[in-house]
Amino acid sequence: MLDPLQMRAPSKRWLALAGIIVVSTSALAWSTVRLRRTGKIEGAPASESQKAVSKKQKAEFASSSDRVSKTELVDSDNDGIPDVIELRTYQDRDAFKRWFTAIAETQFYQLSDQWNAEQRDCAGLVRFATREALRKHDRIWFQKMGPNYETVAGDVGEFDLDHNPLGEKIFRTDFGSFDETDLRNGRFSEFADGRSLKNFNTVFVTRERREAQPGDLLIYYQPWVQKFPYHVMVFLGPARISPNGANDWVVYHTGSSPIDKGTVKKVELSVLDHHPDPRWRPVDSNKNFLGFYRLKILQ
C-alpha cells in the first residue's frame, strides 16, 4: 500500500504543470487578439479604417515630397538656374573654384580618361572641370581620374553632382527664368557650347583682368573668322604649377576638327597680350575679346 504522501506528490506536480499551460495559453491568445486588432500579424487582413489611414499617410507623404521638390527647384533670382545648383556659401564657392581650376589645369599635363575624347574642345574643358568639381572626391574618384591629382579643398557641401534633381544635366540651353517644365523640355543638358555657356550659364563680370577671379571664363567672339564663333578659356590666376610665380595664368583647349584633335594650352595673359594674331589678345582694344564671365552657380 502506497503512502498517502507519495500519492499526493504527483498530483501537485501535475497541477503545477497544468497551471503553467493555462497561463501560457491565455497569454498567447491575448497577444494574438491584440495583434489582429492592430493588423500587424503577417497575412492578417487590415480593416477598412486601417486601409483608409494607410492611404491618407501615403498621400500626406507624397504631398510632403512634392513640397520639398518644389521648394528645391525654385529660381529666386530669376537667372534661369535653380537655387539647388547655386553655391550659396563662401566655403562652397571657394571649394568649387579650387577644384575647377585644378582639374582644368591638370588636363594640360595629362588628359584624364574620364574626359570623353569626343567632348574635347574649349567649352568641353569647362563642362568637364565643372562636373568633376561638383562630385565627391573620394578614393574611387581619384582612381578614375588618373595620376597627378591631389586634394586641393574640401568637397562642395550643399551640392553633389551624383545625387541631385537634375542629374548631370546642369547646363542651361535657353533664355528665361527657371521653370520645372525646363527639365522635360530640354532646356537643361549635359552639353553646352561656347554660346550656351556665355548666354545662359554665366554673367559678365569685367574686361579688366585685375577684377577677375580664379575660375572666371575669358570669352572671345569671332563670327567671320572661324566655324565656331565663340571661344572659351579658364582663368586660373596663380596656377598650382607656376615656375615664374606669375598670377595671370589661363588654360584652354584649342578646339578640334576632323583632321586635328587640338590640344590643351596653358599660358600667361601677359603672353597672350602679344599674340601674333590680334584677335586673341585679351585687351580692351580687341573687339573680339568680350571679357571675363562668371558661372551663375557662383553668383
C-alpha atoms as a PDB file:
ATOM      1  CA  MET A   1       0.000   0.000   0.000  1.00  0.00           C
ATOM      2  CA  LEU A   2       1.363   3.356  -1.056  1.00  0.00           C
ATOM      3  CA  ASP A   3       2.000   6.044   1.464  1.00  0.00           C
ATOM      4  CA  PRO A   4      -0.554   8.926   1.214  1.00  0.00           C
ATOM      5  CA  LEU A   5       2.215  11.432   0.913  1.00  0.00           C
ATOM      6  CA  GLN A   6       3.586   9.603  -2.105  1.00  0.00           C
ATOM      7  CA  MET A   7       0.151   9.677  -3.711  1.00  0.00           C
ATOM      8  CA  ARG A   8      -0.250  13.439  -3.203  1.00  0.00           C
ATOM      9  CA  ALA A   9       3.172  14.430  -4.623  1.00  0.00           C
ATOM     10  CA  PRO A  10       2.500  13.503  -8.260  1.00  0.00           C
ATOM     11  CA  SER A  11      -0.858  15.202  -8.049  1.00  0.00           C
ATOM     12  CA  LYS A  12       0.757  18.519  -7.052  1.00  0.00           C
ATOM     13  CA  ARG A  13       3.271  18.301  -9.841  1.00  0.00           C
ATOM     14  CA  TRP A  14       0.581  17.764 -12.444  1.00  0.00           C
ATOM     15  CA  LEU A  15      -1.465  20.619 -11.040  1.00  0.00           C
ATOM     16  CA  ALA A  16       1.526  22.989 -11.288  1.00  0.00           C
ATOM     17  CA  LEU A  17       2.213  21.919 -14.872  1.00  0.00           C
ATOM     18  CA  ALA A  18      -1.408  22.388 -15.807  1.00  0.00           C
ATOM     19  CA  GLY A  19      -1.360  25.869 -14.326  1.00  0.00           C
ATOM     20  CA  ILE A  20       1.658  26.842 -16.401  1.00  0.00           C
ATOM     21  CA  ILE A  21      -0.029  25.585 -19.571  1.00  0.00           C
ATOM     22  CA  VAL A  22      -3.199  27.556 -18.837  1.00  0.00           C
ATOM     23  CA  VAL A  23      -1.295  30.794 -18.186  1.00  0.00           C
ATOM     24  CA  SER A  24       0.837  30.410 -21.333  1.00  0.00           C
ATOM     25  CA  THR A  25      -2.183  29.651 -23.487  1.00  0.00           C
ATOM     26  CA  SER A  26      -4.050  32.679 -22.163  1.00  0.00           C
ATOM     27  CA  ALA A  27      -1.098  34.984 -22.785  1.00  0.00           C
ATOM     28  CA  LEU A  28      -0.686  33.694 -26.329  1.00  0.00           C
ATOM     29  CA  ALA A  29      -4.382  34.126 -27.045  1.00  0.00           C
ATOM     30  CA  TRP A  30      -4.370  37.670 -25.656  1.00  0.00           C
ATOM     31  CA  SER A  31      -1.307  38.614 -27.792  1.00  0.00           C
ATOM     32  CA  THR A  32      -2.904  37.159 -30.922  1.00  0.00           C
ATOM     33  CA  VAL A  33      -6.114  39.134 -30.403  1.00  0.00           C
ATOM     34  CA  ARG A  34      -4.161  42.316 -29.749  1.00  0.00           C
ATOM     35  CA  LEU A  35      -2.021  41.907 -32.865  1.00  0.00           C
ATOM     36  CA  ARG A  36      -5.048  41.146 -35.024  1.00  0.00           C
ATOM     37  CA  ARG A  37      -6.678  44.361 -33.805  1.00  0.00           C
ATOM     38  CA  THR A  38      -3.644  46.357 -34.906  1.00  0.00           C
ATOM     39  CA  GLY A  39      -3.356  44.478 -38.181  1.00  0.00           C
ATOM     40  CA  LYS A  40       0.286  43.582 -37.500  1.00  0.00           C
ATOM     41  CA  ILE A  41       0.115  39.798 -37.906  1.00  0.00           C
ATOM     42  CA  GLU A  42       1.608  38.772 -41.232  1.00  0.00           C
ATOM     43  CA  GLY A  43      -1.257  37.832 -43.507  1.00  0.00           C
ATOM     44  CA  ALA A  44      -3.922  39.281 -41.204  1.00  0.00           C
ATOM     45  CA  PRO A  45      -6.402  41.370 -43.216  1.00  0.00           C
ATOM     46  CA  ALA A  46      -6.465  45.074 -42.413  1.00  0.00           C
ATOM     47  CA  SER A  47      -9.786  46.696 -41.654  1.00  0.00           C
ATOM     48  CA  GLU A  48     -11.283  49.334 -43.951  1.00  0.00           C
ATOM     49  CA  SER A  49     -10.437  52.037 -41.435  1.00  0.00           C
ATOM     50  CA  GLN A  50      -6.807  50.894 -41.357  1.00  0.00           C
ATOM     51  CA  LYS A  51      -6.673  50.952 -45.169  1.00  0.00           C
ATOM     52  CA  ALA A  52      -8.059  54.487 -45.167  1.00  0.00           C
ATOM     53  CA  VAL A  53      -5.431  55.611 -42.649  1.00  0.00           C
ATOM     54  CA  SER A  54      -2.682  53.982 -44.749  1.00  0.00           C
ATOM     55  CA  LYS A  55      -3.874  55.745 -47.910  1.00  0.00           C
ATOM     56  CA  LYS A  56      -4.030  59.042 -46.072  1.00  0.00           C
ATOM     57  CA  GLN A  57      -0.493  58.606 -44.749  1.00  0.00           C
ATOM     58  CA  LYS A  58       0.789  57.798 -48.242  1.00  0.00           C
ATOM     59  CA  ALA A  59      -0.970  60.831 -49.694  1.00  0.00           C
ATOM     60  CA  GLU A  60       0.458  63.081 -46.997  1.00  0.00           C
ATOM     61  CA  PHE A  61       3.955  61.681 -47.633  1.00  0.00           C
ATOM     62  CA  ALA A  62       3.644  62.236 -51.394  1.00  0.00           C
ATOM     63  CA  SER A  63       2.351  65.745 -50.830  1.00  0.00           C
ATOM     64  CA  SER A  64       5.254  66.436 -48.484  1.00  0.00           C
ATOM     65  CA  SER A  65       7.734  65.113 -51.068  1.00  0.00           C
ATOM     66  CA  ASP A  66       6.188  67.315 -53.747  1.00  0.00           C
ATOM     67  CA  ARG A  67       6.507  70.352 -51.496  1.00  0.00           C
ATOM     68  CA  VAL A  68      10.171  69.570 -50.854  1.00  0.00           C
ATOM     69  CA  SER A  69      10.796  69.122 -54.586  1.00  0.00           C
ATOM     70  CA  LYS A  70       9.096  72.408 -55.420  1.00  0.00           C
ATOM     71  CA  THR A  71      10.992  74.185 -52.677  1.00  0.00           C
ATOM     72  CA  GLU A  72      14.284  72.916 -54.040  1.00  0.00           C
ATOM     73  CA  LEU A  73      13.530  73.656 -57.681  1.00  0.00           C
ATOM     74  CA  VAL A  74      12.897  77.366 -57.488  1.00  0.00           C
ATOM     75  CA  ASP A  75      14.769  80.217 -59.122  1.00  0.00           C
ATOM     76  CA  SER A  76      14.647  83.001 -56.554  1.00  0.00           C
ATOM     77  CA  ASP A  77      16.927  85.346 -58.516  1.00  0.00           C
ATOM     78  CA  ASN A  78      15.318  84.579 -61.912  1.00  0.00           C
ATOM     79  CA  ASP A  79      18.642  83.874 -63.579  1.00  0.00           C
ATOM     80  CA  GLY A  80      17.487  80.634 -65.184  1.00  0.00           C
ATOM     81  CA  ILE A  81      19.444  78.408 -62.791  1.00  0.00           C
ATOM     82  CA  PRO A  82      17.510  76.691 -59.954  1.00  0.00           C
ATOM     83  CA  ASP A  83      18.669  77.551 -56.462  1.00  0.00           C
ATOM     84  CA  VAL A  84      19.538  73.934 -55.717  1.00  0.00           C
ATOM     85  CA  ILE A  85      22.530  74.158 -58.090  1.00  0.00           C
ATOM     86  CA  GLU A  86      23.784  77.556 -56.955  1.00  0.00           C
ATOM     87  CA  LEU A  87      26.529  77.555 -54.337  1.00  0.00           C
ATOM     88  CA  ARG A  88      25.325  79.808 -51.547  1.00  0.00           C
ATOM     89  CA  THR A  89      28.197  79.787 -49.067  1.00  0.00           C
ATOM     90  CA  TYR A  90      31.695  81.177 -49.371  1.00  0.00           C
ATOM     91  CA  GLN A  91      33.120  77.777 -48.425  1.00  0.00           C
ATOM     92  CA  ASP A  92      31.287  76.003 -51.250  1.00  0.00           C
ATOM     93  CA  ARG A  93      32.191  78.637 -53.826  1.00  0.00           C
ATOM     94  CA  ASP A  94      35.819  78.573 -52.788  1.00  0.00           C
ATOM     95  CA  ALA A  95      35.931  74.769 -52.820  1.00  0.00           C
ATOM     96  CA  PHE A  96      34.367  74.672 -56.280  1.00  0.00           C
ATOM     97  CA  LYS A  97      36.804  77.208 -57.738  1.00  0.00           C
ATOM     98  CA  ARG A  98      39.801  75.371 -56.321  1.00  0.00           C
ATOM     99  CA  TRP A  99      38.691  72.043 -57.762  1.00  0.00           C
ATOM    100  CA  PHE A 100      37.515  73.582 -61.032  1.00  0.00           C
ATOM    101  CA  THR A 101      40.792  75.341 -61.777  1.00  0.00           C
ATOM    102  CA  ALA A 102      42.932  72.424 -60.566  1.00  0.00           C
ATOM    103  CA  ILE A 103      41.083  69.929 -62.775  1.00  0.00           C
ATOM    104  CA  ALA A 104      41.237  72.226 -65.797  1.00  0.00           C
ATOM    105  CA  GLU A 105      44.963  72.907 -65.279  1.00  0.00           C
ATOM    106  CA  THR A 106      45.786  69.218 -64.853  1.00  0.00           C
ATOM    107  CA  GLN A 107      44.442  68.486 -68.347  1.00  0.00           C
ATOM    108  CA  PHE A 108      47.399  70.450 -69.696  1.00  0.00           C
ATOM    109  CA  TYR A 109      49.819  67.975 -68.136  1.00  0.00           C
ATOM    110  CA  GLN A 110      47.830  64.794 -68.716  1.00  0.00           C
ATOM    111  CA  LEU A 111      44.358  64.313 -70.157  1.00  0.00           C
ATOM    112  CA  SER A 112      42.052  62.292 -67.953  1.00  0.00           C
ATOM    113  CA  ASP A 113      40.421  59.228 -69.471  1.00  0.00           C
ATOM    114  CA  GLN A 114      37.213  60.425 -67.810  1.00  0.00           C
ATOM    115  CA  TRP A 115      37.109  63.338 -70.270  1.00  0.00           C
ATOM    116  CA  ASN A 116      35.325  61.925 -73.296  1.00  0.00           C
ATOM    117  CA  ALA A 117      37.582  62.306 -76.337  1.00  0.00           C
ATOM    118  CA  GLU A 118      34.613  63.442 -78.435  1.00  0.00           C
ATOM    119  CA  GLN A 119      33.941  66.288 -75.995  1.00  0.00           C
ATOM    120  CA  ARG A 120      37.439  67.754 -76.053  1.00  0.00           C
ATOM    121  CA  ASP A 121      37.208  71.350 -77.144  1.00  0.00           C
ATOM    122  CA  CYS A 122      37.269  74.722 -75.393  1.00  0.00           C
ATOM    123  CA  ALA A 123      33.727  74.503 -73.985  1.00  0.00           C
ATOM    124  CA  GLY A 124      34.227  70.822 -73.264  1.00  0.00           C
ATOM    125  CA  LEU A 125      37.069  71.652 -70.899  1.00  0.00           C
ATOM    126  CA  VAL A 126      34.733  73.940 -68.943  1.00  0.00           C
ATOM    127  CA  ARG A 127      31.977  71.330 -68.819  1.00  0.00           C
ATOM    128  CA  PHE A 128      34.351  68.584 -67.731  1.00  0.00           C
ATOM    129  CA  ALA A 129      36.009  70.641 -64.996  1.00  0.00           C
ATOM    130  CA  THR A 130      32.607  71.861 -63.763  1.00  0.00           C
ATOM    131  CA  ARG A 131      31.148  68.385 -63.449  1.00  0.00           C
ATOM    132  CA  GLU A 132      34.200  66.895 -61.756  1.00  0.00           C
ATOM    133  CA  ALA A 133      34.478  69.809 -59.337  1.00  0.00           C
ATOM    134  CA  LEU A 134      30.908  69.133 -58.169  1.00  0.00           C
ATOM    135  CA  ARG A 135      31.481  65.463 -57.368  1.00  0.00           C
ATOM    136  CA  LYS A 136      32.594  63.911 -54.099  1.00  0.00           C
ATOM    137  CA  HIS A 137      36.353  63.469 -54.289  1.00  0.00           C
ATOM    138  CA  ASP A 138      36.819  60.133 -52.616  1.00  0.00           C
ATOM    139  CA  ARG A 139      39.315  57.356 -53.251  1.00  0.00           C
ATOM    140  CA  ILE A 140      37.258  55.970 -56.145  1.00  0.00           C
ATOM    141  CA  TRP A 141      37.174  59.397 -57.805  1.00  0.00           C
ATOM    142  CA  PHE A 142      40.959  59.731 -57.649  1.00  0.00           C
ATOM    143  CA  GLN A 143      41.387  56.242 -59.082  1.00  0.00           C
ATOM    144  CA  LYS A 144      39.114  57.056 -62.015  1.00  0.00           C
ATOM    145  CA  MET A 145      40.715  60.410 -62.800  1.00  0.00           C
ATOM    146  CA  GLY A 146      44.250  59.049 -63.020  1.00  0.00           C
ATOM    147  CA  PRO A 147      47.577  60.306 -61.633  1.00  0.00           C
ATOM    148  CA  ASN A 148      48.577  63.916 -60.891  1.00  0.00           C
ATOM    149  CA  TYR A 149      45.501  64.707 -58.780  1.00  0.00           C
ATOM    150  CA  GLU A 150      45.573  65.644 -55.130  1.00  0.00           C
ATOM    151  CA  THR A 151      43.155  67.106 -52.631  1.00  0.00           C
ATOM    152  CA  VAL A 152      43.008  70.867 -53.124  1.00  0.00           C
ATOM    153  CA  ALA A 153      39.969  71.693 -50.964  1.00  0.00           C
ATOM    154  CA  GLY A 154      37.017  70.162 -49.176  1.00  0.00           C
ATOM    155  CA  ASP A 155      34.091  68.987 -51.252  1.00  0.00           C
ATOM    156  CA  VAL A 156      31.191  71.255 -52.143  1.00  0.00           C
ATOM    157  CA  GLY A 157      28.872  70.637 -49.227  1.00  0.00           C
ATOM    158  CA  GLU A 158      25.420  71.642 -50.471  1.00  0.00           C
ATOM    159  CA  PHE A 159      25.506  70.040 -53.912  1.00  0.00           C
ATOM    160  CA  ASP A 160      26.546  66.622 -55.143  1.00  0.00           C
ATOM    161  CA  LEU A 161      26.509  66.014 -58.891  1.00  0.00           C
ATOM    162  CA  ASP A 162      25.724  62.336 -58.389  1.00  0.00           C
ATOM    163  CA  HIS A 163      22.705  62.992 -56.139  1.00  0.00           C
ATOM    164  CA  ASN A 164      20.570  65.938 -57.254  1.00  0.00           C
ATOM    165  CA  PRO A 165      17.250  66.581 -59.042  1.00  0.00           C
ATOM    166  CA  LEU A 166      18.929  67.488 -62.368  1.00  0.00           C
ATOM    167  CA  GLY A 167      21.441  64.665 -62.608  1.00  0.00           C
ATOM    168  CA  GLU A 168      24.289  65.739 -64.889  1.00  0.00           C
ATOM    169  CA  LYS A 169      22.035  67.992 -66.969  1.00  0.00           C
ATOM    170  CA  ILE A 170      23.217  71.114 -65.170  1.00  0.00           C
ATOM    171  CA  PHE A 171      23.803  73.412 -68.160  1.00  0.00           C
ATOM    172  CA  ARG A 172      21.007  75.695 -69.338  1.00  0.00           C
ATOM    173  CA  THR A 173      20.385  75.852 -73.093  1.00  0.00           C
ATOM    174  CA  ASP A 174      17.779  78.622 -73.466  1.00  0.00           C
ATOM    175  CA  PHE A 175      16.801  82.055 -72.186  1.00  0.00           C
ATOM    176  CA  GLY A 176      14.333  82.638 -69.369  1.00  0.00           C
ATOM    177  CA  SER A 177      13.932  82.084 -65.662  1.00  0.00           C
ATOM    178  CA  PHE A 178      13.722  78.530 -64.388  1.00  0.00           C
ATOM    179  CA  ASP A 179      10.532  76.509 -64.521  1.00  0.00           C
ATOM    180  CA  GLU A 180      10.110  72.835 -63.674  1.00  0.00           C
ATOM    181  CA  THR A 181       8.985  72.179 -67.268  1.00  0.00           C
ATOM    182  CA  ASP A 182      12.520  73.129 -68.360  1.00  0.00           C
ATOM    183  CA  LEU A 183      13.686  69.708 -67.187  1.00  0.00           C
ATOM    184  CA  ARG A 184      11.240  67.985 -69.555  1.00  0.00           C
ATOM    185  CA  ASN A 185      11.583  70.388 -72.476  1.00  0.00           C
ATOM    186  CA  GLY A 186      15.329  70.028 -72.986  1.00  0.00           C
ATOM    187  CA  ARG A 187      16.296  73.421 -71.587  1.00  0.00           C
ATOM    188  CA  PHE A 188      18.903  71.701 -69.422  1.00  0.00           C
ATOM    189  CA  SER A 189      21.544  69.418 -70.852  1.00  0.00           C
ATOM    190  CA  GLU A 190      24.862  67.731 -70.173  1.00  0.00           C
ATOM    191  CA  PHE A 191      26.159  69.654 -73.210  1.00  0.00           C
ATOM    192  CA  ALA A 192      26.730  73.384 -73.627  1.00  0.00           C
ATOM    193  CA  ASP A 193      28.813  75.004 -76.344  1.00  0.00           C
ATOM    194  CA  GLY A 194      30.594  78.333 -76.026  1.00  0.00           C
ATOM    195  CA  ARG A 195      27.479  80.284 -76.963  1.00  0.00           C
ATOM    196  CA  SER A 196      25.333  78.487 -74.370  1.00  0.00           C
ATOM    197  CA  LEU A 197      27.960  78.971 -71.690  1.00  0.00           C
ATOM    198  CA  LYS A 198      28.026  82.703 -72.361  1.00  0.00           C
ATOM    199  CA  ASN A 199      24.312  83.351 -72.829  1.00  0.00           C
ATOM    200  CA  PHE A 200      22.674  81.016 -70.326  1.00  0.00           C
ATOM    201  CA  ASN A 201      25.220  79.812 -67.762  1.00  0.00           C
ATOM    202  CA  THR A 202      27.453  82.796 -66.984  1.00  0.00           C
ATOM    203  CA  VAL A 203      27.211  86.506 -66.263  1.00  0.00           C
ATOM    204  CA  PHE A 204      29.526  89.225 -67.491  1.00  0.00           C
ATOM    205  CA  VAL A 205      31.950  90.432 -64.817  1.00  0.00           C
ATOM    206  CA  THR A 206      34.553  92.720 -66.339  1.00  0.00           C
ATOM    207  CA  ARG A 207      37.033  93.364 -69.101  1.00  0.00           C
ATOM    208  CA  GLU A 208      39.708  94.256 -66.550  1.00  0.00           C
ATOM    209  CA  ARG A 209      41.840  91.287 -65.535  1.00  0.00           C
ATOM    210  CA  ARG A 210      42.599  92.744 -62.108  1.00  0.00           C
ATOM    211  CA  GLU A 211      38.908  92.308 -61.263  1.00  0.00           C
ATOM    212  CA  ALA A 212      38.770  88.703 -62.440  1.00  0.00           C
ATOM    213  CA  GLN A 213      38.777  85.757 -60.030  1.00  0.00           C
ATOM    214  CA  PRO A 214      40.147  82.226 -60.446  1.00  0.00           C
ATOM    215  CA  GLY A 215      37.508  80.151 -62.186  1.00  0.00           C
ATOM    216  CA  ASP A 216      36.206  83.005 -64.353  1.00  0.00           C
ATOM    217  CA  LEU A 217      35.991  82.435 -68.096  1.00  0.00           C
ATOM    218  CA  LEU A 218      37.528  84.522 -70.858  1.00  0.00           C
ATOM    219  CA  ILE A 219      35.176  84.563 -73.844  1.00  0.00           C
ATOM    220  CA  TYR A 220      36.006  85.552 -77.409  1.00  0.00           C
ATOM    221  CA  TYR A 221      33.604  86.089 -80.285  1.00  0.00           C
ATOM    222  CA  GLN A 222      34.837  85.885 -83.878  1.00  0.00           C
ATOM    223  CA  PRO A 223      31.797  85.407 -86.153  1.00  0.00           C
ATOM    224  CA  TRP A 224      33.507  85.777 -89.522  1.00  0.00           C
ATOM    225  CA  VAL A 225      36.774  84.044 -88.809  1.00  0.00           C
ATOM    226  CA  GLN A 226      36.019  80.507 -87.679  1.00  0.00           C
ATOM    227  CA  LYS A 227      33.287  77.860 -87.854  1.00  0.00           C
ATOM    228  CA  PHE A 228      32.521  78.082 -84.140  1.00  0.00           C
ATOM    229  CA  PRO A 229      32.484  81.804 -83.298  1.00  0.00           C
ATOM    230  CA  TYR A 230      32.737  81.518 -79.503  1.00  0.00           C
ATOM    231  CA  HIS A 231      35.948  80.508 -77.779  1.00  0.00           C
ATOM    232  CA  VAL A 232      36.361  79.990 -74.025  1.00  0.00           C
ATOM    233  CA  MET A 233      39.401  79.992 -71.724  1.00  0.00           C
ATOM    234  CA  VAL A 234      39.613  79.278 -67.987  1.00  0.00           C
ATOM    235  CA  PHE A 235      41.297  81.920 -65.837  1.00  0.00           C
ATOM    236  CA  LEU A 236      43.494  80.208 -63.238  1.00  0.00           C
ATOM    237  CA  GLY A 237      45.092  83.247 -61.640  1.00  0.00           C
ATOM    238  CA  PRO A 238      48.084  81.906 -59.675  1.00  0.00           C
ATOM    239  CA  ALA A 239      48.385  78.415 -61.142  1.00  0.00           C
ATOM    240  CA  ARG A 240      49.223  75.396 -58.989  1.00  0.00           C
ATOM    241  CA  ILE A 241      52.351  74.919 -61.100  1.00  0.00           C
ATOM    242  CA  SER A 242      53.947  78.277 -61.843  1.00  0.00           C
ATOM    243  CA  PRO A 243      57.715  78.249 -62.358  1.00  0.00           C
ATOM    244  CA  ASN A 244      57.964  82.037 -62.506  1.00  0.00           C
ATOM    245  CA  GLY A 245      55.400  82.872 -59.826  1.00  0.00           C
ATOM    246  CA  ALA A 246      53.045  84.639 -62.268  1.00  0.00           C
ATOM    247  CA  ASN A 247      49.426  85.083 -61.185  1.00  0.00           C
ATOM    248  CA  ASP A 248      47.706  85.569 -64.555  1.00  0.00           C
ATOM    249  CA  TRP A 249      47.601  82.055 -65.991  1.00  0.00           C
ATOM    250  CA  VAL A 250      44.870  80.725 -68.277  1.00  0.00           C
ATOM    251  CA  VAL A 251      44.262  77.244 -69.641  1.00  0.00           C
ATOM    252  CA  TYR A 252      42.213  76.347 -72.708  1.00  0.00           C
ATOM    253  CA  HIS A 253      41.640  73.767 -75.416  1.00  0.00           C
ATOM    254  CA  THR A 254      42.412  74.903 -78.943  1.00  0.00           C
ATOM    255  CA  GLY A 255      39.383  73.104 -80.366  1.00  0.00           C
ATOM    256  CA  SER A 256      39.134  70.049 -82.546  1.00  0.00           C
ATOM    257  CA  SER A 257      38.411  69.322 -86.192  1.00  0.00           C
ATOM    258  CA  PRO A 258      38.140  66.203 -88.388  1.00  0.00           C
ATOM    259  CA  ILE A 259      41.868  66.425 -89.085  1.00  0.00           C
ATOM    260  CA  ASP A 260      43.119  67.899 -85.802  1.00  0.00           C
ATOM    261  CA  LYS A 261      42.130  66.818 -82.287  1.00  0.00           C
ATOM    262  CA  GLY A 262      43.506  70.027 -80.848  1.00  0.00           C
ATOM    263  CA  THR A 263      45.395  70.345 -77.597  1.00  0.00           C
ATOM    264  CA  VAL A 264      45.249  71.946 -74.160  1.00  0.00           C
ATOM    265  CA  LYS A 265      47.417  75.008 -73.658  1.00  0.00           C
ATOM    266  CA  LYS A 266      48.442  76.908 -70.541  1.00  0.00           C
ATOM    267  CA  VAL A 267      49.796  80.413 -70.886  1.00  0.00           C
ATOM    268  CA  GLU A 268      50.031  83.740 -69.084  1.00  0.00           C
ATOM    269  CA  LEU A 269      47.761  86.607 -70.046  1.00  0.00           C
ATOM    270  CA  SER A 270      50.829  88.795 -70.379  1.00  0.00           C
ATOM    271  CA  VAL A 271      51.986  86.450 -73.125  1.00  0.00           C
ATOM    272  CA  LEU A 272      48.591  86.460 -74.856  1.00  0.00           C
ATOM    273  CA  ASP A 273      48.764  90.258 -74.833  1.00  0.00           C
ATOM    274  CA  HIS A 274      51.402  89.922 -77.562  1.00  0.00           C
ATOM    275  CA  HIS A 275      49.812  87.096 -79.521  1.00  0.00           C
ATOM    276  CA  PRO A 276      50.786  87.315 -83.232  1.00  0.00           C
ATOM    277  CA  ASP A 277      47.091  87.378 -84.136  1.00  0.00           C
ATOM    278  CA  PRO A 278      45.461  90.454 -82.518  1.00  0.00           C
ATOM    279  CA  ARG A 279      42.054  88.747 -82.287  1.00  0.00           C
ATOM    280  CA  TRP A 280      43.390  86.523 -79.471  1.00  0.00           C
ATOM    281  CA  ARG A 281      44.708  89.331 -77.314  1.00  0.00           C
ATOM    282  CA  PRO A 282      42.687  89.786 -74.046  1.00  0.00           C
ATOM    283  CA  VAL A 283      42.833  93.593 -74.163  1.00  0.00           C
ATOM    284  CA  ASP A 284      40.244  96.377 -74.374  1.00  0.00           C
ATOM    285  CA  SER A 285      41.268  97.324 -77.885  1.00  0.00           C
ATOM    286  CA  ASN A 286      40.358  93.851 -79.170  1.00  0.00           C
ATOM    287  CA  LYS A 287      36.646  93.835 -80.021  1.00  0.00           C
ATOM    288  CA  ASN A 288      36.733  90.053 -80.347  1.00  0.00           C
ATOM    289  CA  PHE A 289      37.513  89.754 -76.653  1.00  0.00           C
ATOM    290  CA  LEU A 290      34.197  90.004 -74.795  1.00  0.00           C
ATOM    291  CA  GLY A 291      35.678  89.934 -71.310  1.00  0.00           C
ATOM    292  CA  PHE A 292      35.582  87.812 -68.155  1.00  0.00           C
ATOM    293  CA  TYR A 293      32.426  85.890 -67.291  1.00  0.00           C
ATOM    294  CA  ARG A 294      31.468  84.058 -64.099  1.00  0.00           C
ATOM    295  CA  LEU A 295      29.443  80.853 -63.821  1.00  0.00           C
ATOM    296  CA  LYS A 296      25.973  81.555 -62.483  1.00  0.00           C
ATOM    297  CA  ILE A 297      26.283  78.817 -59.891  1.00  0.00           C
ATOM    298  CA  LEU A 298      28.849  81.077 -58.183  1.00  0.00           C
ATOM    299  CA  GLN A 299      26.537  84.093 -58.098  1.00  0.00           C
END
